Structures are given as C-alpha cells and as structure tokens.
Amino acid sequence: EQQQAELRAILDRAAALRLCGAGLDRLATGPLANVAEAGRAALVQRDRLALLSSAKALGEAAASGHNPVATAACAALVLASVSFTDRSMESGDP
C-alpha cells in the first residue's frame, strides 16, 4: 500500500508538471512571456514558494486582461506547487 501511494504521488507530480509546462509554453511568446518565464524557472528549480509567487503574479496579470490561458497556467502553477509539498507531513511521519 505504501508503494502504491508513492507511485500515485509520482504520477500525480508528473502530470502536474506536464500540465504546468504546457500552460507556460502557451504564454511564452505573448505579452506575459516574462511572467511565464519566471514560472518556468520556478518549475525547473522545483521551488514550491517560487511557484506560488509566480502563480500570484500570473493571476494578477491574467485578471487585468481577462486571459483564460493565463488563468489556466496560474492554476497549473498552484497545482505544481502542491505536488512539491513535503509528503511526510501528510502521513504524519517526522
């Protein structure tokens, strides 16, 4: 059961990373390219706090322009940040 849970977590993380990367790719050449690039850097570094910071910046930019692609990428960044949450906290292990 422990191995199955670990495998699911790995697969969930891989799916979140693919989704996030695809969303950021769609923004790479538009007016939000610099914000998307910061999100991509946070994704590469696997930095949960930087992912959330990038999501916030992208969400603010998306809200001002009503950009559904940016909104989706923002959500994907948040999802990716959750995938890097310390799994030992969830299981109650020290």
N, C-alpha and C. Protein backbone atom coordinates (compact mmCIF):
# COMPACT_ATOMS: atom_id res chain seq x y z
N GLU A 1 0.82 -1.19 0.00
CA GLU A 1 0.00 0.00 0.00
C GLU A 1 0.87 1.26 0.00
N GLN A 2 1.93 1.27 0.75
CA GLN A 2 2.85 2.40 0.80
C GLN A 2 3.47 2.66 -0.58
N GLN A 3 3.86 1.58 -1.25
CA GLN A 3 4.46 1.72 -2.58
C GLN A 3 3.45 2.24 -3.58
N GLN A 4 2.22 1.81 -3.48
CA GLN A 4 1.18 2.29 -4.39
C GLN A 4 0.93 3.77 -4.17
N ALA A 5 0.93 4.20 -2.93
CA ALA A 5 0.73 5.62 -2.63
C ALA A 5 1.88 6.45 -3.17
N GLU A 6 3.09 5.95 -3.03
CA GLU A 6 4.26 6.65 -3.56
C GLU A 6 4.22 6.73 -5.08
N LEU A 7 3.80 5.65 -5.71
CA LEU A 7 3.69 5.64 -7.17
C LEU A 7 2.63 6.64 -7.64
N ARG A 8 1.49 6.67 -6.96
CA ARG A 8 0.45 7.64 -7.32
C ARG A 8 0.95 9.06 -7.16
N ALA A 9 1.70 9.32 -6.10
CA ALA A 9 2.24 10.66 -5.88
C ALA A 9 3.21 11.05 -6.99
N ILE A 10 4.04 10.11 -7.43
CA ILE A 10 4.98 10.38 -8.52
C ILE A 10 4.22 10.67 -9.81
N LEU A 11 3.21 9.86 -10.10
CA LEU A 11 2.43 10.07 -11.32
C LEU A 11 1.64 11.37 -11.27
N ASP A 12 1.10 11.70 -10.11
CA ASP A 12 0.40 12.98 -9.95
C ASP A 12 1.34 14.15 -10.19
N ARG A 13 2.54 14.05 -9.64
CA ARG A 13 3.52 15.12 -9.81
C ARG A 13 3.91 15.26 -11.28
N ALA A 14 4.12 14.15 -11.96
CA ALA A 14 4.48 14.19 -13.37
C ALA A 14 3.37 14.84 -14.20
N ALA A 15 2.13 14.50 -13.89
CA ALA A 15 1.00 15.09 -14.62
C ALA A 15 0.92 16.59 -14.35
N ALA A 16 1.12 16.99 -13.11
CA ALA A 16 1.08 18.42 -12.77
C ALA A 16 2.19 19.18 -13.49
N LEU A 17 3.36 18.59 -13.56
CA LEU A 17 4.48 19.25 -14.25
C LEU A 17 4.21 19.38 -15.75
N ARG A 18 3.66 18.35 -16.35
CA ARG A 18 3.33 18.43 -17.78
C ARG A 18 2.27 19.50 -18.04
N LEU A 19 1.24 19.52 -17.23
CA LEU A 19 0.18 20.50 -17.37
C LEU A 19 0.71 21.92 -17.21
N CYS A 20 1.54 22.10 -16.21
CA CYS A 20 2.11 23.42 -15.96
C CYS A 20 3.02 23.84 -17.10
N GLY A 21 3.88 22.95 -17.55
CA GLY A 21 4.78 23.27 -18.65
C GLY A 21 4.03 23.64 -19.92
N ALA A 22 2.95 22.91 -20.21
CA ALA A 22 2.15 23.20 -21.40
C ALA A 22 1.49 24.57 -21.30
N GLY A 23 0.97 24.90 -20.13
CA GLY A 23 0.35 26.22 -19.94
C GLY A 23 1.34 27.35 -20.09
N LEU A 24 2.53 27.16 -19.51
CA LEU A 24 3.55 28.20 -19.62
C LEU A 24 4.06 28.33 -21.05
N ASP A 25 4.14 27.21 -21.77
CA ASP A 25 4.56 27.25 -23.18
C ASP A 25 3.61 28.11 -24.01
N ARG A 26 2.32 28.05 -23.71
CA ARG A 26 1.34 28.82 -24.47
C ARG A 26 1.48 30.32 -24.25
N LEU A 27 2.13 30.69 -23.16
CA LEU A 27 2.32 32.12 -22.85
C LEU A 27 3.71 32.63 -23.22
N ALA A 28 4.55 31.76 -23.72
CA ALA A 28 5.97 32.08 -23.90
C ALA A 28 6.24 33.19 -24.91
N THR A 29 5.34 33.43 -25.84
CA THR A 29 5.62 34.43 -26.88
C THR A 29 4.71 35.64 -26.82
N GLY A 30 3.83 35.70 -25.85
CA GLY A 30 2.89 36.81 -25.76
C GLY A 30 3.34 37.88 -24.78
N PRO A 31 2.41 38.75 -24.42
CA PRO A 31 2.73 39.85 -23.51
C PRO A 31 3.06 39.39 -22.08
N LEU A 32 2.72 38.15 -21.75
CA LEU A 32 3.02 37.63 -20.42
C LEU A 32 4.24 36.72 -20.41
N ALA A 33 5.05 36.83 -21.45
CA ALA A 33 6.21 35.94 -21.59
C ALA A 33 7.16 36.05 -20.41
N ASN A 34 7.38 37.24 -19.90
CA ASN A 34 8.32 37.39 -18.78
C ASN A 34 7.79 36.73 -17.51
N VAL A 35 6.49 36.83 -17.29
CA VAL A 35 5.89 36.18 -16.12
C VAL A 35 5.92 34.67 -16.30
N ALA A 36 5.65 34.21 -17.52
CA ALA A 36 5.69 32.77 -17.80
C ALA A 36 7.11 32.23 -17.63
N GLU A 37 8.09 33.01 -18.02
CA GLU A 37 9.49 32.58 -17.87
C GLU A 37 9.86 32.43 -16.39
N ALA A 38 9.38 33.34 -15.56
CA ALA A 38 9.63 33.22 -14.12
C ALA A 38 8.97 31.95 -13.57
N GLY A 39 7.78 31.64 -14.06
CA GLY A 39 7.11 30.41 -13.66
C GLY A 39 7.89 29.19 -14.10
N ARG A 40 8.41 29.23 -15.31
CA ARG A 40 9.21 28.12 -15.84
C ARG A 40 10.46 27.93 -14.98
N ALA A 41 11.12 29.02 -14.60
CA ALA A 41 12.32 28.92 -13.76
C ALA A 41 11.98 28.29 -12.41
N ALA A 42 10.87 28.69 -11.83
CA ALA A 42 10.44 28.10 -10.55
C ALA A 42 10.13 26.62 -10.71
N LEU A 43 9.56 26.27 -11.84
CA LEU A 43 9.25 24.87 -12.12
C LEU A 43 10.51 24.03 -12.24
N VAL A 44 11.49 24.56 -12.95
CA VAL A 44 12.76 23.85 -13.12
C VAL A 44 13.46 23.66 -11.77
N GLN A 45 13.39 24.68 -10.94
CA GLN A 45 14.03 24.62 -9.62
C GLN A 45 13.25 23.77 -8.62
N ARG A 46 12.00 23.44 -8.97
CA ARG A 46 11.13 22.68 -8.07
C ARG A 46 10.95 23.42 -6.74
N ASP A 47 10.84 24.74 -6.85
CA ASP A 47 10.73 25.61 -5.68
C ASP A 47 9.27 25.95 -5.44
N ARG A 48 8.70 25.34 -4.42
CA ARG A 48 7.27 25.48 -4.14
C ARG A 48 6.87 26.93 -3.90
N LEU A 49 7.65 27.67 -3.11
CA LEU A 49 7.31 29.06 -2.82
C LEU A 49 7.44 29.94 -4.06
N ALA A 50 8.45 29.70 -4.87
CA ALA A 50 8.60 30.46 -6.12
C ALA A 50 7.46 30.15 -7.09
N LEU A 51 7.00 28.90 -7.10
CA LEU A 51 5.85 28.55 -7.94
C LEU A 51 4.61 29.33 -7.51
N LEU A 52 4.39 29.42 -6.20
CA LEU A 52 3.24 30.17 -5.71
C LEU A 52 3.38 31.66 -5.99
N SER A 53 4.58 32.18 -5.88
CA SER A 53 4.81 33.58 -6.19
C SER A 53 4.55 33.85 -7.67
N SER A 54 5.01 32.96 -8.53
CA SER A 54 4.77 33.10 -9.96
C SER A 54 3.28 32.98 -10.28
N ALA A 55 2.61 32.08 -9.58
CA ALA A 55 1.17 31.93 -9.78
C ALA A 55 0.43 33.21 -9.41
N LYS A 56 0.85 33.83 -8.33
CA LYS A 56 0.22 35.07 -7.91
C LYS A 56 0.43 36.16 -8.96
N ALA A 57 1.66 36.31 -9.43
CA ALA A 57 1.96 37.32 -10.45
C ALA A 57 1.19 37.05 -11.74
N LEU A 58 1.13 35.81 -12.13
CA LEU A 58 0.42 35.45 -13.35
C LEU A 58 -1.09 35.65 -13.17
N GLY A 59 -1.60 35.30 -12.01
CA GLY A 59 -3.03 35.52 -11.73
C GLY A 59 -3.41 36.98 -11.77
N GLU A 60 -2.56 37.83 -11.22
CA GLU A 60 -2.82 39.27 -11.25
C GLU A 60 -2.78 39.78 -12.69
N ALA A 61 -1.81 39.32 -13.45
CA ALA A 61 -1.72 39.74 -14.85
C ALA A 61 -2.91 39.21 -15.65
N ALA A 62 -3.33 38.01 -15.36
CA ALA A 62 -4.46 37.42 -16.08
C ALA A 62 -5.75 38.16 -15.76
N ALA A 63 -5.91 38.55 -14.50
CA ALA A 63 -7.14 39.23 -14.08
C ALA A 63 -7.28 40.58 -14.77
N SER A 64 -6.17 41.26 -14.97
CA SER A 64 -6.25 42.58 -15.59
C SER A 64 -6.58 42.50 -17.08
N GLY A 65 -6.27 41.38 -17.71
CA GLY A 65 -6.53 41.25 -19.15
C GLY A 65 -7.55 40.19 -19.50
N HIS A 66 -8.16 39.57 -18.52
CA HIS A 66 -9.16 38.52 -18.75
C HIS A 66 -8.63 37.48 -19.73
N ASN A 67 -7.48 36.92 -19.39
CA ASN A 67 -6.80 35.97 -20.26
C ASN A 67 -7.02 34.55 -19.73
N PRO A 68 -7.88 33.75 -20.37
CA PRO A 68 -8.14 32.40 -19.86
C PRO A 68 -6.93 31.48 -19.92
N VAL A 69 -6.03 31.68 -20.86
CA VAL A 69 -4.81 30.86 -20.94
C VAL A 69 -3.93 31.15 -19.73
N ALA A 70 -3.80 32.41 -19.38
CA ALA A 70 -3.01 32.78 -18.21
C ALA A 70 -3.66 32.28 -16.92
N THR A 71 -4.98 32.33 -16.87
CA THR A 71 -5.69 31.82 -15.70
C THR A 71 -5.43 30.32 -15.53
N ALA A 72 -5.47 29.59 -16.63
CA ALA A 72 -5.21 28.14 -16.58
C ALA A 72 -3.77 27.86 -16.16
N ALA A 73 -2.82 28.64 -16.68
CA ALA A 73 -1.42 28.46 -16.31
C ALA A 73 -1.20 28.79 -14.83
N CYS A 74 -1.90 29.79 -14.35
CA CYS A 74 -1.83 30.15 -12.92
C CYS A 74 -2.29 28.96 -12.07
N ALA A 75 -3.41 28.38 -12.43
CA ALA A 75 -3.93 27.23 -11.69
C ALA A 75 -2.95 26.06 -11.76
N ALA A 76 -2.32 25.86 -12.91
CA ALA A 76 -1.36 24.77 -13.06
C ALA A 76 -0.13 25.01 -12.19
N LEU A 77 0.30 26.27 -12.04
CA LEU A 77 1.42 26.58 -11.16
C LEU A 77 1.08 26.24 -9.71
N VAL A 78 -0.14 26.56 -9.30
CA VAL A 78 -0.56 26.22 -7.93
C VAL A 78 -0.58 24.71 -7.76
N LEU A 79 -1.12 24.00 -8.75
CA LEU A 79 -1.14 22.54 -8.69
C LEU A 79 0.27 21.98 -8.59
N ALA A 80 1.19 22.52 -9.39
CA ALA A 80 2.58 22.05 -9.34
C ALA A 80 3.18 22.31 -7.95
N SER A 81 2.87 23.46 -7.36
CA SER A 81 3.42 23.76 -6.03
C SER A 81 2.93 22.75 -5.00
N VAL A 82 1.68 22.34 -5.13
CA VAL A 82 1.13 21.35 -4.20
C VAL A 82 1.83 20.01 -4.38
N SER A 83 2.22 19.71 -5.61
CA SER A 83 2.89 18.42 -5.85
C SER A 83 4.26 18.36 -5.19
N PHE A 84 4.81 19.52 -4.81
CA PHE A 84 6.10 19.53 -4.13
C PHE A 84 5.97 19.69 -2.62
N THR A 85 4.77 19.53 -2.10
CA THR A 85 4.56 19.58 -0.66
C THR A 85 5.24 18.37 -0.03
N ASP A 86 5.81 18.57 1.12
CA ASP A 86 6.50 17.50 1.83
C ASP A 86 5.51 16.38 2.16
N ARG A 87 5.70 15.21 1.57
CA ARG A 87 4.79 14.09 1.76
C ARG A 87 4.83 13.56 3.20
N SER A 88 5.92 13.75 3.93
CA SER A 88 5.97 13.24 5.30
C SER A 88 5.00 13.99 6.19
N MET A 89 4.66 15.24 5.85
CA MET A 89 3.71 16.00 6.63
C MET A 89 2.32 15.38 6.50
N GLU A 90 2.00 14.86 5.31
CA GLU A 90 0.69 14.27 5.08
C GLU A 90 0.52 12.96 5.82
N SER A 91 1.59 12.19 5.91
CA SER A 91 1.49 10.87 6.54
C SER A 91 1.62 10.94 8.05
N GLY A 92 2.08 12.07 8.56
CA GLY A 92 2.27 12.20 9.99
C GLY A 92 3.62 11.74 10.47
N ASP A 93 4.49 11.29 9.54
CA ASP A 93 5.84 10.87 9.92
C ASP A 93 6.69 12.08 10.23
N PRO A 94 7.66 11.94 11.11
CA PRO A 94 8.55 13.08 11.44
C PRO A 94 9.46 13.43 10.29
